[in-house]
Amino acid sequence: VKQATPPWAEKWILAEAKRLARLRTKVTGTQWEVDHIVPIKSPKVCGLHAFTNIRVVPKAVNAAKRNLYWPDMS
């Protein structure tokens, strides 16, 4: 994660995404996680640990995707 974090990454946004995941978990009773849209660790690609590459999704969605899928993959 450290190597995948660019100098321009706004760390407060990443922290806010983690807080949002915790809040959604508490409110809905369903586990939510911060997902890297393009995986950080994958045999085919290396995404960034930055606000441009994260979203908050249900844990089941993140687990199903694993590190094998990302948008526009070929």
PDB file of N, CA and C in Angstrom:
ATOM      1  N   VAL A   1       0.840  -1.191   0.000  1.00  0.00           N
ATOM      2  CA  VAL A   1       0.000   0.000   0.000  1.00  0.00           C
ATOM      3  C   VAL A   1       0.881   1.249   0.000  1.00  0.00           C
ATOM      4  N   LYS A   2       1.965   1.221   0.766  1.00  0.00           N
ATOM      5  CA  LYS A   2       2.842   2.389   0.836  1.00  0.00           C
ATOM      6  C   LYS A   2       3.403   2.738  -0.540  1.00  0.00           C
ATOM      7  N   GLN A   3       3.851   1.746  -1.287  1.00  0.00           N
ATOM      8  CA  GLN A   3       4.402   1.989  -2.613  1.00  0.00           C
ATOM      9  C   GLN A   3       3.329   2.417  -3.608  1.00  0.00           C
ATOM     10  N   ALA A   4       2.084   2.029  -3.352  1.00  0.00           N
ATOM     11  CA  ALA A   4       0.988   2.362  -4.261  1.00  0.00           C
ATOM     12  C   ALA A   4       0.331   3.694  -3.911  1.00  0.00           C
ATOM     13  N   THR A   5       0.838   4.385  -2.887  1.00  0.00           N
ATOM     14  CA  THR A   5       0.265   5.667  -2.477  1.00  0.00           C
ATOM     15  C   THR A   5       1.059   6.808  -3.111  1.00  0.00           C
ATOM     16  N   PRO A   6       0.465   7.496  -4.088  1.00  0.00           N
ATOM     17  CA  PRO A   6       1.186   8.591  -4.733  1.00  0.00           C
ATOM     18  C   PRO A   6       1.295   9.798  -3.805  1.00  0.00           C
ATOM     19  N   PRO A   7       2.280  10.659  -4.045  1.00  0.00           N
ATOM     20  CA  PRO A   7       2.457  11.830  -3.173  1.00  0.00           C
ATOM     21  C   PRO A   7       1.260  12.774  -3.185  1.00  0.00           C
ATOM     22  N   TRP A   8       0.477  12.756  -4.253  1.00  0.00           N
ATOM     23  CA  TRP A   8      -0.670  13.661  -4.340  1.00  0.00           C
ATOM     24  C   TRP A   8      -1.934  13.094  -3.698  1.00  0.00           C
ATOM     25  N   ALA A   9      -1.868  11.877  -3.183  1.00  0.00           N
ATOM     26  CA  ALA A   9      -3.051  11.262  -2.562  1.00  0.00           C
ATOM     27  C   ALA A   9      -3.472  12.065  -1.334  1.00  0.00           C
ATOM     28  N   GLU A  10      -4.741  12.384  -1.267  1.00  0.00           N
ATOM     29  CA  GLU A  10      -5.259  13.128  -0.128  1.00  0.00           C
ATOM     30  C   GLU A  10      -5.703  12.129   0.931  1.00  0.00           C
ATOM     31  N   LYS A  11      -4.845  11.950   1.921  1.00  0.00           N
ATOM     32  CA  LYS A  11      -5.060  10.905   2.927  1.00  0.00           C
ATOM     33  C   LYS A  11      -6.333  11.110   3.737  1.00  0.00           C
ATOM     34  N   TRP A  12      -6.778  12.358   3.913  1.00  0.00           N
ATOM     35  CA  TRP A  12      -7.989  12.581   4.684  1.00  0.00           C
ATOM     36  C   TRP A  12      -9.207  11.994   3.969  1.00  0.00           C
ATOM     37  N   ILE A  13      -9.186  11.953   2.633  1.00  0.00           N
ATOM     38  CA  ILE A  13     -10.299  11.364   1.896  1.00  0.00           C
ATOM     39  C   ILE A  13     -10.319   9.854   2.095  1.00  0.00           C
ATOM     40  N   LEU A  14      -9.153   9.238   2.119  1.00  0.00           N
ATOM     41  CA  LEU A  14      -9.072   7.801   2.379  1.00  0.00           C
ATOM     42  C   LEU A  14      -9.593   7.484   3.784  1.00  0.00           C
ATOM     43  N   ALA A  15      -9.207   8.302   4.748  1.00  0.00           N
ATOM     44  CA  ALA A  15      -9.690   8.103   6.123  1.00  0.00           C
ATOM     45  C   ALA A  15     -11.200   8.292   6.197  1.00  0.00           C
ATOM     46  N   GLU A  16     -11.726   9.249   5.457  1.00  0.00           N
ATOM     47  CA  GLU A  16     -13.173   9.480   5.430  1.00  0.00           C
ATOM     48  C   GLU A  16     -13.923   8.291   4.834  1.00  0.00           C
ATOM     49  N   ALA A  17     -13.350   7.673   3.815  1.00  0.00           N
ATOM     50  CA  ALA A  17     -13.971   6.480   3.220  1.00  0.00           C
ATOM     51  C   ALA A  17     -14.042   5.353   4.248  1.00  0.00           C
ATOM     52  N   LYS A  18     -12.994   5.198   5.044  1.00  0.00           N
ATOM     53  CA  LYS A  18     -13.000   4.161   6.091  1.00  0.00           C
ATOM     54  C   LYS A  18     -14.080   4.463   7.132  1.00  0.00           C
ATOM     55  N   ARG A  19     -14.218   5.731   7.504  1.00  0.00           N
ATOM     56  CA  ARG A  19     -15.268   6.107   8.465  1.00  0.00           C
ATOM     57  C   ARG A  19     -16.653   5.840   7.873  1.00  0.00           C
ATOM     58  N   LEU A  20     -16.829   6.140   6.586  1.00  0.00           N
ATOM     59  CA  LEU A  20     -18.106   5.890   5.925  1.00  0.00           C
ATOM     60  C   LEU A  20     -18.435   4.398   5.913  1.00  0.00           C
ATOM     61  N   ALA A  21     -17.448   3.568   5.654  1.00  0.00           N
ATOM     62  CA  ALA A  21     -17.675   2.117   5.667  1.00  0.00           C
ATOM     63  C   ALA A  21     -18.117   1.653   7.054  1.00  0.00           C
ATOM     64  N   ARG A  22     -17.470   2.165   8.096  1.00  0.00           N
ATOM     65  CA  ARG A  22     -17.873   1.800   9.468  1.00  0.00           C
ATOM     66  C   ARG A  22     -19.291   2.271   9.762  1.00  0.00           C
ATOM     67  N   LEU A  23     -19.629   3.485   9.341  1.00  0.00           N
ATOM     68  CA  LEU A  23     -20.967   4.031   9.584  1.00  0.00           C
ATOM     69  C   LEU A  23     -22.032   3.216   8.848  1.00  0.00           C
ATOM     70  N   ARG A  24     -21.787   2.901   7.582  1.00  0.00           N
ATOM     71  CA  ARG A  24     -22.755   2.097   6.827  1.00  0.00           C
ATOM     72  C   ARG A  24     -22.937   0.722   7.457  1.00  0.00           C
ATOM     73  N   THR A  25     -21.863   0.143   7.964  1.00  0.00           N
ATOM     74  CA  THR A  25     -21.955  -1.148   8.637  1.00  0.00           C
ATOM     75  C   THR A  25     -22.846  -1.035   9.870  1.00  0.00           C
ATOM     76  N   LYS A  26     -22.634   0.016  10.638  1.00  0.00           N
ATOM     77  CA  LYS A  26     -23.413   0.216  11.863  1.00  0.00           C
ATOM     78  C   LYS A  26     -24.889   0.458  11.544  1.00  0.00           C
ATOM     79  N   VAL A  27     -25.168   1.283  10.553  1.00  0.00           N
ATOM     80  CA  VAL A  27     -26.547   1.656  10.228  1.00  0.00           C
ATOM     81  C   VAL A  27     -27.307   0.515   9.559  1.00  0.00           C
ATOM     82  N   THR A  28     -26.647  -0.208   8.658  1.00  0.00           N
ATOM     83  CA  THR A  28     -27.353  -1.236   7.884  1.00  0.00           C
ATOM     84  C   THR A  28     -27.273  -2.632   8.490  1.00  0.00           C
ATOM     85  N   GLY A  29     -26.277  -2.864   9.350  1.00  0.00           N
ATOM     86  CA  GLY A  29     -26.084  -4.209   9.895  1.00  0.00           C
ATOM     87  C   GLY A  29     -25.396  -5.143   8.907  1.00  0.00           C
ATOM     88  N   THR A  30     -24.981  -4.616   7.780  1.00  0.00           N
ATOM     89  CA  THR A  30     -24.260  -5.366   6.750  1.00  0.00           C
ATOM     90  C   THR A  30     -22.845  -4.814   6.674  1.00  0.00           C
ATOM     91  N   GLN A  31     -21.867  -5.684   6.537  1.00  0.00           N
ATOM     92  CA  GLN A  31     -20.470  -5.246   6.464  1.00  0.00           C
ATOM     93  C   GLN A  31     -20.200  -4.459   5.178  1.00  0.00           C
ATOM     94  N   TRP A  32     -19.558  -3.310   5.317  1.00  0.00           N
ATOM     95  CA  TRP A  32     -19.124  -2.475   4.189  1.00  0.00           C
ATOM     96  C   TRP A  32     -17.611  -2.327   4.274  1.00  0.00           C
ATOM     97  N   GLU A  33     -16.967  -2.151   3.123  1.00  0.00           N
ATOM     98  CA  GLU A  33     -15.514  -2.019   3.060  1.00  0.00           C
ATOM     99  C   GLU A  33     -15.117  -0.953   2.051  1.00  0.00           C
ATOM    100  N   VAL A  34     -13.883  -0.494   2.196  1.00  0.00           N
ATOM    101  CA  VAL A  34     -13.283   0.378   1.188  1.00  0.00           C
ATOM    102  C   VAL A  34     -12.675  -0.547   0.136  1.00  0.00           C
ATOM    103  N   ASP A  35     -13.095  -0.349  -1.103  1.00  0.00           N
ATOM    104  CA  ASP A  35     -12.646  -1.177  -2.217  1.00  0.00           C
ATOM    105  C   ASP A  35     -11.737  -0.366  -3.131  1.00  0.00           C
ATOM    106  N   HIS A  36     -10.657  -0.989  -3.566  1.00  0.00           N
ATOM    107  CA  HIS A  36      -9.822  -0.386  -4.607  1.00  0.00           C
ATOM    108  C   HIS A  36     -10.414  -0.811  -5.948  1.00  0.00           C
ATOM    109  N   ILE A  37     -10.872   0.144  -6.725  1.00  0.00           N
ATOM    110  CA  ILE A  37     -11.524  -0.149  -7.996  1.00  0.00           C
ATOM    111  C   ILE A  37     -10.587  -0.947  -8.891  1.00  0.00           C
ATOM    112  N   VAL A  38      -9.381  -0.449  -9.072  1.00  0.00           N
ATOM    113  CA  VAL A  38      -8.317  -1.210  -9.743  1.00  0.00           C
ATOM    114  C   VAL A  38      -7.458  -1.772  -8.617  1.00  0.00           C
ATOM    115  N   PRO A  39      -7.383  -3.095  -8.486  1.00  0.00           N
ATOM    116  CA  PRO A  39      -6.682  -3.706  -7.355  1.00  0.00           C
ATOM    117  C   PRO A  39      -5.240  -3.222  -7.193  1.00  0.00           C
ATOM    118  N   ILE A  40      -4.813  -3.128  -5.942  1.00  0.00           N
ATOM    119  CA  ILE A  40      -3.420  -2.766  -5.661  1.00  0.00           C
ATOM    120  C   ILE A  40      -2.519  -3.963  -5.940  1.00  0.00           C
ATOM    121  N   LYS A  41      -2.979  -5.134  -5.566  1.00  0.00           N
ATOM    122  CA  LYS A  41      -2.200  -6.355  -5.792  1.00  0.00           C
ATOM    123  C   LYS A  41      -2.962  -7.273  -6.736  1.00  0.00           C
ATOM    124  N   SER A  42      -2.411  -7.471  -7.900  1.00  0.00           N
ATOM    125  CA  SER A  42      -3.004  -8.350  -8.888  1.00  0.00           C
ATOM    126  C   SER A  42      -1.901  -8.821  -9.820  1.00  0.00           C
ATOM    127  N   PRO A  43      -2.022 -10.022 -10.364  1.00  0.00           N
ATOM    128  CA  PRO A  43      -1.005 -10.488 -11.296  1.00  0.00           C
ATOM    129  C   PRO A  43      -0.950  -9.665 -12.583  1.00  0.00           C
ATOM    130  N   LYS A  44      -2.026  -8.916 -12.877  1.00  0.00           N
ATOM    131  CA  LYS A  44      -2.097  -8.204 -14.152  1.00  0.00           C
ATOM    132  C   LYS A  44      -1.995  -6.689 -14.057  1.00  0.00           C
ATOM    133  N   VAL A  45      -2.255  -6.112 -12.883  1.00  0.00           N
ATOM    134  CA  VAL A  45      -2.331  -4.653 -12.784  1.00  0.00           C
ATOM    135  C   VAL A  45      -1.991  -4.212 -11.369  1.00  0.00           C
ATOM    136  N   CYS A  46      -1.595  -2.957 -11.247  1.00  0.00           N
ATOM    137  CA  CYS A  46      -1.333  -2.379  -9.926  1.00  0.00           C
ATOM    138  C   CYS A  46      -2.013  -1.019  -9.871  1.00  0.00           C
ATOM    139  N   GLY A  47      -3.083  -0.940  -9.097  1.00  0.00           N
ATOM    140  CA  GLY A  47      -3.795   0.320  -8.935  1.00  0.00           C
ATOM    141  C   GLY A  47      -3.147   1.174  -7.866  1.00  0.00           C
ATOM    142  N   LEU A  48      -3.697   2.341  -7.652  1.00  0.00           N
ATOM    143  CA  LEU A  48      -3.163   3.270  -6.666  1.00  0.00           C
ATOM    144  C   LEU A  48      -4.010   3.272  -5.400  1.00  0.00           C
ATOM    145  N   HIS A  49      -3.358   3.561  -4.287  1.00  0.00           N
ATOM    146  CA  HIS A  49      -4.040   3.745  -3.014  1.00  0.00           C
ATOM    147  C   HIS A  49      -4.317   5.242  -2.906  1.00  0.00           C
ATOM    148  N   ALA A  50      -5.344   5.686  -3.640  1.00  0.00           N
ATOM    149  CA  ALA A  50      -5.664   7.104  -3.724  1.00  0.00           C
ATOM    150  C   ALA A  50      -7.169   7.271  -3.889  1.00  0.00           C
ATOM    151  N   PHE A  51      -7.645   8.472  -3.598  1.00  0.00           N
ATOM    152  CA  PHE A  51      -9.085   8.729  -3.642  1.00  0.00           C
ATOM    153  C   PHE A  51      -9.684   8.484  -5.018  1.00  0.00           C
ATOM    154  N   THR A  52      -8.902   8.553  -6.061  1.00  0.00           N
ATOM    155  CA  THR A  52      -9.396   8.315  -7.407  1.00  0.00           C
ATOM    156  C   THR A  52      -9.643   6.838  -7.688  1.00  0.00           C
ATOM    157  N   ASN A  53      -9.214   5.983  -6.771  1.00  0.00           N
ATOM    158  CA  ASN A  53      -9.303   4.540  -6.991  1.00  0.00           C
ATOM    159  C   ASN A  53     -10.029   3.813  -5.865  1.00  0.00           C
ATOM    160  N   ILE A  54     -10.830   4.524  -5.092  1.00  0.00           N
ATOM    161  CA  ILE A  54     -11.539   3.848  -4.001  1.00  0.00           C
ATOM    162  C   ILE A  54     -13.031   4.135  -4.067  1.00  0.00           C
ATOM    163  N   ARG A  55     -13.762   3.210  -3.461  1.00  0.00           N
ATOM    164  CA  ARG A  55     -15.206   3.358  -3.289  1.00  0.00           C
ATOM    165  C   ARG A  55     -15.589   2.538  -2.070  1.00  0.00           C
ATOM    166  N   VAL A  56     -16.738   2.825  -1.501  1.00  0.00           N
ATOM    167  CA  VAL A  56     -17.242   2.088  -0.343  1.00  0.00           C
ATOM    168  C   VAL A  56     -18.351   1.173  -0.843  1.00  0.00           C
ATOM    169  N   VAL A  57     -18.157  -0.133  -0.641  1.00  0.00           N
ATOM    170  CA  VAL A  57     -19.090  -1.145  -1.158  1.00  0.00           C
ATOM    171  C   VAL A  57     -19.371  -2.188  -0.082  1.00  0.00           C
ATOM    172  N   PRO A  58     -20.462  -2.938  -0.245  1.00  0.00           N
ATOM    173  CA  PRO A  58     -20.699  -4.052   0.680  1.00  0.00           C
ATOM    174  C   PRO A  58     -19.548  -5.060   0.606  1.00  0.00           C
ATOM    175  N   LYS A  59     -19.240  -5.657   1.735  1.00  0.00           N
ATOM    176  CA  LYS A  59     -18.136  -6.617   1.803  1.00  0.00           C
ATOM    177  C   LYS A  59     -18.322  -7.754   0.799  1.00  0.00           C
ATOM    178  N   ALA A  60     -19.558  -8.207   0.618  1.00  0.00           N
ATOM    179  CA  ALA A  60     -19.826  -9.306  -0.316  1.00  0.00           C
ATOM    180  C   ALA A  60     -19.452  -8.918  -1.751  1.00  0.00           C
ATOM    181  N   VAL A  61     -19.697  -7.673  -2.126  1.00  0.00           N
ATOM    182  CA  VAL A  61     -19.345  -7.199  -3.466  1.00  0.00           C
ATOM    183  C   VAL A  61     -17.829  -7.180  -3.624  1.00  0.00           C
ATOM    184  N   ASN A  62     -17.140  -6.672  -2.614  1.00  0.00           N
ATOM    185  CA  ASN A  62     -15.678  -6.605  -2.659  1.00  0.00           C
ATOM    186  C   ASN A  62     -15.068  -8.008  -2.690  1.00  0.00           C
ATOM    187  N   ALA A  63     -15.610  -8.915  -1.904  1.00  0.00           N
ATOM    188  CA  ALA A  63     -15.078 -10.287  -1.859  1.00  0.00           C
ATOM    189  C   ALA A  63     -15.298 -11.010  -3.184  1.00  0.00           C
ATOM    190  N   ALA A  64     -16.436 -10.776  -3.828  1.00  0.00           N
ATOM    191  CA  ALA A  64     -16.722 -11.433  -5.107  1.00  0.00           C
ATOM    192  C   ALA A  64     -15.780 -10.948  -6.204  1.00  0.00           C
ATOM    193  N   LYS A  65     -15.416  -9.689  -6.145  1.00  0.00           N
ATOM    194  CA  LYS A  65     -14.527  -9.096  -7.144  1.00  0.00           C
ATOM    195  C   LYS A  65     -13.093  -9.582  -6.961  1.00  0.00           C
ATOM    196  N   ARG A  66     -12.703  -9.746  -5.708  1.00  0.00           N
ATOM    197  CA  ARG A  66     -11.323 -10.104  -5.350  1.00  0.00           C
ATOM    198  C   ARG A  66     -10.350  -9.165  -6.046  1.00  0.00           C
ATOM    199  N   ASN A  67      -9.220  -9.654  -6.480  1.00  0.00           N
ATOM    200  CA  ASN A  67      -8.274  -8.792  -7.189  1.00  0.00           C
ATOM    201  C   ASN A  67      -8.186  -9.199  -8.652  1.00  0.00           C
ATOM    202  N   LEU A  68      -9.269  -9.759  -9.149  1.00  0.00           N
ATOM    203  CA  LEU A  68      -9.266 -10.306 -10.500  1.00  0.00           C
ATOM    204  C   LEU A  68     -10.072  -9.487 -11.502  1.00  0.00           C
ATOM    205  N   TYR A  69     -10.741  -8.437 -11.057  1.00  0.00           N
ATOM    206  CA  TYR A  69     -11.599  -7.679 -11.953  1.00  0.00           C
ATOM    207  C   TYR A  69     -11.445  -6.184 -11.687  1.00  0.00           C
ATOM    208  N   TRP A  70     -11.526  -5.403 -12.734  1.00  0.00           N
ATOM    209  CA  TRP A  70     -11.571  -3.954 -12.636  1.00  0.00           C
ATOM    210  C   TRP A  70     -12.247  -3.428 -13.893  1.00  0.00           C
ATOM    211  N   PRO A  71     -12.773  -2.202 -13.853  1.00  0.00           N
ATOM    212  CA  PRO A  71     -13.453  -1.650 -15.027  1.00  0.00           C
ATOM    213  C   PRO A  71     -12.514  -1.578 -16.232  1.00  0.00           C
ATOM    214  N   ASP A  72     -13.054  -1.806 -17.381  1.00  0.00           N
ATOM    215  CA  ASP A  72     -12.323  -1.714 -18.644  1.00  0.00           C
ATOM    216  C   ASP A  72     -11.154  -2.684 -18.746  1.00  0.00           C
ATOM    217  N   MET A  73     -11.187  -3.758 -17.982  1.00  0.00           N
ATOM    218  CA  MET A  73     -10.091  -4.716 -18.086  1.00  0.00           C
ATOM    219  C   MET A  73     -10.184  -5.446 -19.414  1.00  0.00           C
ATOM    220  N   SER A  74      -9.043  -5.840 -19.933  1.00  0.00           N
ATOM    221  CA  SER A  74      -9.061  -6.568 -21.205  1.00  0.00           C
ATOM    222  C   SER A  74      -8.309  -7.857 -21.087  1.00  0.00           C
TER     223      SER A  74
END
